[in-house]
Amino acid sequence: MNRKVIFAALIVFLVIVVVAWLLASCPAGNEIDPGLTSGSAEAQKQKEITIRNVTHETVTYRIKPFNSDAQSRAMTLEVGEIERFPGELAMDVFFEQGDETITYRLSPGTPYSFRYNENYELELYEGSHGRTDAEDLAPWVPTPMIVVEKMLEMAKVDKDDILYDLGCGDGRIVILAAEKYGARGIGIDIDPQRISEANASAKVAGVEHLVEFRENDVMKVDFSEATVVAIYLLEESNALLRPLLDKQLKPGTYVVSHNYSIPGWEAKEVSFVTLKSEDGEEHDIYLYQK
């Protein structure tokens, strides 16, 4: 056989081998590539799902890509740990809540967190920020406007106040305080989407000159100028925040908390009310004075 033909055939064979090896080494479309972590450049480009464990115990669950014939994959998540699932596929997650198996569908690009519900049962909530450099204080749940109005009323907000909302979400508390009472307000939230929504709402309300929204970690900000502080966090998060409240706030500053008390501040509680929102849900409001 001609040497040139043999050489050409050898080259073609080597190309086929290399291509086959590359295809075999790439993960299939529905598989989770464990090598993609939050620190890799590739992961940053993908719409990853994150799940964080904010409970006090190890959480076991199962997960699989949506609309896949693959078997669900057993996972273990330690306290405070974050699991990341890069890609643009929805995922189905399964976990035990007492004797019941709970199933949720997780959306790409969305953070989630395992927490306890009001009955101290394991639950999965949307709204964890999926960052290891910041405390995960609470999922975002909007405060009903009737509760917002009562919180401001109880704190006796007026035009001379500087209101800080720690975990401000869409900014509704700060914006209403500016609209209704002419108070200055600063909202702090770690989620850039919430900050964007808050700024847009402030513009619509015409109170941009009175309010400011900052993307930041509540545990790392200076709010010492506040005369009123509003919070809607969890009780364990309030316990984490309390040393900062003790250190930074001036005597006489009001702290108004939606639904959850501040452990260790029982002596500072000056008022408490329960009211129903339009959907019939009951909401507790705690008012403290430093």
Protein backbone atom coordinates (compact mmCIF):
# COMPACT_ATOMS: atom_id res chain seq x y z
CA MET A 1 0.00 0.00 0.00
CA ASN A 2 1.19 3.52 -0.78
CA ARG A 3 2.89 5.19 2.21
CA LYS A 4 0.87 8.38 1.72
CA VAL A 5 -2.38 6.43 1.90
CA ILE A 6 -1.25 4.63 5.05
CA PHE A 7 -0.21 7.93 6.66
CA ALA A 8 -3.55 9.58 5.75
CA ALA A 9 -5.49 6.62 7.16
CA LEU A 10 -3.50 6.82 10.37
CA ILE A 11 -4.28 10.54 10.74
CA VAL A 12 -8.02 9.90 10.22
CA PHE A 13 -7.92 7.10 12.81
CA LEU A 14 -6.24 9.36 15.38
CA VAL A 15 -8.79 12.13 14.78
CA ILE A 16 -11.67 9.67 15.32
CA VAL A 17 -10.09 8.43 18.57
CA VAL A 18 -9.62 11.99 19.91
CA VAL A 19 -13.19 13.02 19.02
CA ALA A 20 -14.61 9.89 20.66
CA TRP A 21 -12.58 10.55 23.81
CA LEU A 22 -13.81 14.17 24.01
CA LEU A 23 -17.45 13.13 23.60
CA ALA A 24 -17.10 10.45 26.25
CA SER A 25 -15.55 12.88 28.73
CA CYS A 26 -18.29 15.53 28.41
CA PRO A 27 -21.32 15.19 30.75
CA ALA A 28 -24.66 14.43 29.13
CA GLY A 29 -27.17 17.24 28.87
CA ASN A 30 -29.23 16.10 31.87
CA GLU A 31 -26.32 15.32 34.20
CA ILE A 32 -25.00 17.55 36.96
CA ASP A 33 -21.32 18.29 36.54
CA PRO A 34 -19.89 18.26 40.10
CA GLY A 35 -16.75 19.98 38.84
CA LEU A 36 -18.58 23.24 38.27
CA THR A 37 -18.44 25.19 41.52
CA SER A 38 -19.26 28.78 42.33
CA GLY A 39 -15.60 29.68 41.98
CA SER A 40 -15.23 28.54 38.37
CA ALA A 41 -15.62 30.99 35.49
CA GLU A 42 -17.95 28.57 33.68
CA ALA A 43 -20.34 28.33 36.63
CA GLN A 44 -20.65 32.09 36.78
CA LYS A 45 -22.01 32.06 33.22
CA GLN A 46 -24.70 29.48 33.93
CA LYS A 47 -28.09 29.85 35.57
CA GLU A 48 -27.33 27.72 38.58
CA ILE A 49 -29.74 26.59 41.26
CA THR A 50 -28.45 26.88 44.82
CA ILE A 51 -29.82 25.21 47.95
CA ARG A 52 -28.63 26.31 51.39
CA ASN A 53 -29.18 24.57 54.72
CA VAL A 54 -30.27 27.15 57.30
CA THR A 55 -31.54 24.56 59.80
CA HIS A 56 -29.73 23.19 62.83
CA GLU A 57 -29.28 19.68 61.46
CA THR A 58 -28.02 17.76 58.44
CA VAL A 59 -30.65 17.63 55.69
CA THR A 60 -31.04 14.65 53.35
CA TYR A 61 -32.98 14.98 50.12
CA ARG A 62 -33.16 13.64 46.57
CA ILE A 63 -32.93 15.58 43.33
CA LYS A 64 -33.12 14.93 39.59
CA PRO A 65 -33.40 16.98 36.40
CA PHE A 66 -36.99 17.79 35.45
CA ASN A 67 -38.49 15.63 32.71
CA SER A 68 -35.67 13.12 32.94
CA ASP A 69 -35.83 9.33 33.14
CA ALA A 70 -32.75 9.33 35.36
CA GLN A 71 -33.00 8.05 38.92
CA SER A 72 -33.14 10.73 41.59
CA ARG A 73 -29.79 11.38 43.28
CA ALA A 74 -29.49 11.23 47.07
CA MET A 75 -27.89 14.34 48.59
CA THR A 76 -26.74 15.37 52.07
CA LEU A 77 -26.49 19.02 53.06
CA GLU A 78 -24.65 19.96 56.25
CA VAL A 79 -25.62 22.92 58.45
CA GLY A 80 -24.75 26.17 56.67
CA GLU A 81 -23.61 24.36 53.51
CA ILE A 82 -24.64 25.45 50.00
CA GLU A 83 -25.12 22.98 47.15
CA ARG A 84 -24.91 24.30 43.59
CA PHE A 85 -26.47 22.82 40.44
CA PRO A 86 -25.11 24.63 37.35
CA GLY A 87 -27.00 24.62 34.10
CA GLU A 88 -30.29 25.81 32.66
CA LEU A 89 -32.47 22.82 33.58
CA ALA A 90 -35.28 22.83 36.10
CA MET A 91 -34.79 20.31 38.91
CA ASP A 92 -37.21 18.23 40.98
CA VAL A 93 -36.36 17.91 44.67
CA PHE A 94 -37.84 15.45 47.18
CA PHE A 95 -37.52 15.47 50.99
CA GLU A 96 -39.32 14.07 54.00
CA GLN A 97 -41.52 16.23 56.20
CA GLY A 98 -42.65 13.95 59.00
CA ASP A 99 -44.40 11.01 57.33
CA GLU A 100 -44.96 12.90 54.09
CA THR A 101 -42.72 13.22 51.03
CA ILE A 102 -42.62 16.81 49.79
CA THR A 103 -41.84 17.54 46.13
CA TYR A 104 -40.91 20.88 44.57
CA ARG A 105 -39.76 21.97 41.12
CA LEU A 106 -36.77 24.31 41.25
CA SER A 107 -36.24 26.99 38.59
CA PRO A 108 -32.85 27.71 36.99
CA GLY A 109 -31.10 30.80 38.32
CA THR A 110 -33.04 30.74 41.59
CA PRO A 111 -31.67 30.32 45.13
CA TYR A 112 -33.48 28.16 47.70
CA SER A 113 -33.00 27.34 51.37
CA PHE A 114 -34.00 24.55 53.71
CA ARG A 115 -35.51 26.12 56.84
CA TYR A 116 -38.04 25.28 59.54
CA ASN A 117 -41.65 26.37 59.11
CA GLU A 118 -43.84 27.74 61.91
CA ASN A 119 -44.41 24.16 63.13
CA TYR A 120 -40.64 23.53 63.23
CA GLU A 121 -40.92 21.13 60.29
CA LEU A 122 -38.40 20.99 57.46
CA GLU A 123 -39.43 23.19 54.53
CA LEU A 124 -37.81 24.48 51.35
CA TYR A 125 -38.17 28.18 50.64
CA GLU A 126 -37.27 30.32 47.67
CA GLY A 127 -35.14 33.34 48.50
CA SER A 128 -31.80 32.25 49.91
CA HIS A 129 -29.05 34.40 48.39
CA GLY A 130 -26.65 31.47 47.94
CA ARG A 131 -23.57 33.33 49.19
CA THR A 132 -21.06 31.92 51.64
CA ASP A 133 -19.73 35.33 52.67
CA ALA A 134 -22.97 36.54 54.22
CA GLU A 135 -25.51 35.36 56.76
CA ASP A 136 -28.74 34.09 55.22
CA LEU A 137 -31.18 35.86 57.53
CA ALA A 138 -34.54 35.10 55.90
CA PRO A 139 -36.30 34.31 52.64
CA TRP A 140 -38.03 37.28 51.08
CA VAL A 141 -41.74 37.40 51.90
CA PRO A 142 -43.53 40.70 51.22
CA THR A 143 -45.14 42.37 54.25
CA PRO A 144 -48.85 43.09 53.65
CA MET A 145 -49.49 46.83 53.37
CA ILE A 146 -51.91 46.81 56.29
CA VAL A 147 -49.04 45.50 58.42
CA VAL A 148 -46.62 48.07 56.99
CA GLU A 149 -49.02 50.87 57.93
CA LYS A 150 -49.41 49.53 61.47
CA MET A 151 -45.64 49.14 61.93
CA LEU A 152 -45.08 52.79 61.00
CA GLU A 153 -47.95 53.91 63.20
CA MET A 154 -46.62 51.99 66.22
CA ALA A 155 -43.13 53.44 65.74
CA LYS A 156 -44.65 56.96 65.57
CA VAL A 157 -42.75 57.74 62.37
CA ASP A 158 -42.71 61.41 61.32
CA LYS A 159 -40.77 63.76 59.03
CA ASP A 160 -37.88 64.04 61.48
CA ASP A 161 -37.17 60.29 61.49
CA ILE A 162 -34.48 58.33 59.70
CA LEU A 163 -35.91 54.88 59.06
CA TYR A 164 -33.66 51.90 58.26
CA ASP A 165 -35.30 48.77 56.90
CA LEU A 166 -32.85 45.88 57.37
CA GLY A 167 -33.77 43.38 54.67
CA CYS A 168 -35.97 45.84 52.81
CA GLY A 169 -37.11 43.61 49.95
CA ASP A 170 -39.03 45.75 47.44
CA GLY A 171 -38.72 48.81 49.70
CA ARG A 172 -42.39 49.15 50.59
CA ILE A 173 -41.83 50.13 54.24
CA VAL A 174 -39.28 52.84 53.45
CA ILE A 175 -41.35 54.16 50.54
CA LEU A 176 -44.60 54.39 52.51
CA ALA A 177 -42.79 56.14 55.39
CA ALA A 178 -41.57 58.75 52.91
CA GLU A 179 -44.93 59.06 51.13
CA LYS A 180 -47.14 59.25 54.19
CA TYR A 181 -44.93 60.91 56.79
CA GLY A 182 -42.12 62.59 54.85
CA ALA A 183 -39.51 60.50 56.68
CA ARG A 184 -36.07 59.83 55.27
CA GLY A 185 -35.40 56.15 54.67
CA ILE A 186 -32.59 53.73 53.86
CA GLY A 187 -33.33 50.17 52.76
CA ILE A 188 -30.67 47.46 52.92
CA ASP A 189 -30.95 44.18 51.03
CA ILE A 190 -28.43 41.67 49.72
CA ASP A 191 -30.52 40.79 46.66
CA PRO A 192 -29.82 43.08 43.66
CA GLN A 193 -33.23 42.25 42.17
CA ARG A 194 -35.00 43.55 45.28
CA ILE A 195 -32.90 46.72 45.23
CA SER A 196 -33.79 47.28 41.59
CA GLU A 197 -37.49 46.82 42.37
CA ALA A 198 -37.27 49.20 45.32
CA ASN A 199 -35.62 51.94 43.26
CA ALA A 200 -38.25 51.57 40.54
CA SER A 201 -41.08 51.79 43.09
CA ALA A 202 -39.53 54.86 44.73
CA LYS A 203 -39.42 56.57 41.36
CA VAL A 204 -43.08 55.80 40.69
CA ALA A 205 -44.01 57.09 44.17
CA GLY A 206 -41.99 60.27 43.63
CA VAL A 207 -39.95 59.89 46.83
CA GLU A 208 -36.49 59.35 45.35
CA HIS A 209 -35.26 62.48 47.15
CA LEU A 210 -36.16 60.96 50.53
CA VAL A 211 -35.12 57.31 50.16
CA GLU A 212 -32.03 55.30 49.32
CA PHE A 213 -31.59 51.59 48.71
CA ARG A 214 -28.25 49.87 49.20
CA GLU A 215 -27.22 46.39 48.12
CA ASN A 216 -25.38 45.11 51.16
CA ASP A 217 -25.24 42.51 53.92
CA VAL A 218 -27.35 43.68 56.86
CA MET A 219 -24.77 42.27 59.28
CA LYS A 220 -22.05 44.50 57.82
CA VAL A 221 -23.70 47.94 57.63
CA ASP A 222 -23.64 51.00 59.87
CA PHE A 223 -27.19 52.00 60.78
CA SER A 224 -26.28 54.07 63.87
CA GLU A 225 -28.02 57.18 62.51
CA ALA A 226 -31.40 55.44 62.56
CA THR A 227 -34.19 56.74 64.75
CA VAL A 228 -36.44 53.84 63.66
CA VAL A 229 -35.41 50.35 62.49
CA ALA A 230 -37.82 47.97 60.74
CA ILE A 231 -37.14 44.26 60.38
CA TYR A 232 -38.91 41.19 59.05
CA LEU A 233 -36.43 38.42 59.73
CA LEU A 234 -36.57 35.11 61.59
CA GLU A 235 -36.22 34.86 65.36
CA GLU A 236 -32.78 33.24 65.10
CA SER A 237 -31.78 36.01 62.68
CA ASN A 238 -32.99 38.64 65.14
CA ALA A 239 -30.78 36.98 67.75
CA LEU A 240 -27.79 37.36 65.40
CA LEU A 241 -28.69 41.00 64.77
CA ARG A 242 -29.29 41.94 68.41
CA PRO A 243 -25.61 42.61 69.30
CA LEU A 244 -25.46 45.12 66.44
CA LEU A 245 -28.66 46.78 67.62
CA ASP A 246 -27.20 46.99 71.13
CA LYS A 247 -23.95 48.46 69.87
CA GLN A 248 -25.13 50.87 67.19
CA LEU A 249 -28.50 52.29 68.18
CA LYS A 250 -28.91 55.41 70.25
CA PRO A 251 -31.10 55.28 73.38
CA GLY A 252 -34.72 55.91 72.50
CA THR A 253 -34.51 54.40 69.00
CA TYR A 254 -37.55 52.35 68.05
CA VAL A 255 -37.19 48.87 66.52
CA VAL A 256 -40.35 47.42 65.00
CA SER A 257 -40.36 43.74 64.03
CA HIS A 258 -42.89 41.87 61.92
CA ASN A 259 -43.90 38.42 63.20
CA TYR A 260 -40.73 37.57 65.15
CA SER A 261 -39.50 38.77 68.52
CA ILE A 262 -35.94 39.77 69.38
CA PRO A 263 -34.58 37.23 71.89
CA GLY A 264 -32.94 38.96 74.84
CA TRP A 265 -34.85 42.20 74.34
CA GLU A 266 -37.91 41.26 76.39
CA ALA A 267 -37.36 44.19 78.77
CA LYS A 268 -37.22 46.62 75.82
CA GLU A 269 -40.60 45.58 74.39
CA VAL A 270 -43.03 48.48 74.71
CA SER A 271 -45.94 47.32 72.54
CA PHE A 272 -47.33 44.25 70.79
CA VAL A 273 -50.30 43.81 68.47
CA THR A 274 -51.80 41.10 66.30
CA LEU A 275 -53.85 41.93 63.22
CA LYS A 276 -55.25 40.11 60.22
CA SER A 277 -54.31 40.83 56.63
CA GLU A 278 -56.79 40.68 53.78
CA ASP A 279 -56.12 36.98 53.22
CA GLY A 280 -57.10 36.21 56.82
CA GLU A 281 -53.55 35.52 58.01
CA GLU A 282 -52.61 36.78 61.46
CA HIS A 283 -49.51 38.96 61.84
CA ASP A 284 -47.69 39.88 65.03
CA ILE A 285 -45.90 43.20 65.41
CA TYR A 286 -43.35 43.79 68.18
CA LEU A 287 -42.23 47.30 69.10
CA TYR A 288 -39.04 47.79 71.08
CA GLN A 289 -37.27 50.90 72.32
CA LYS A 290 -33.52 50.93 72.86
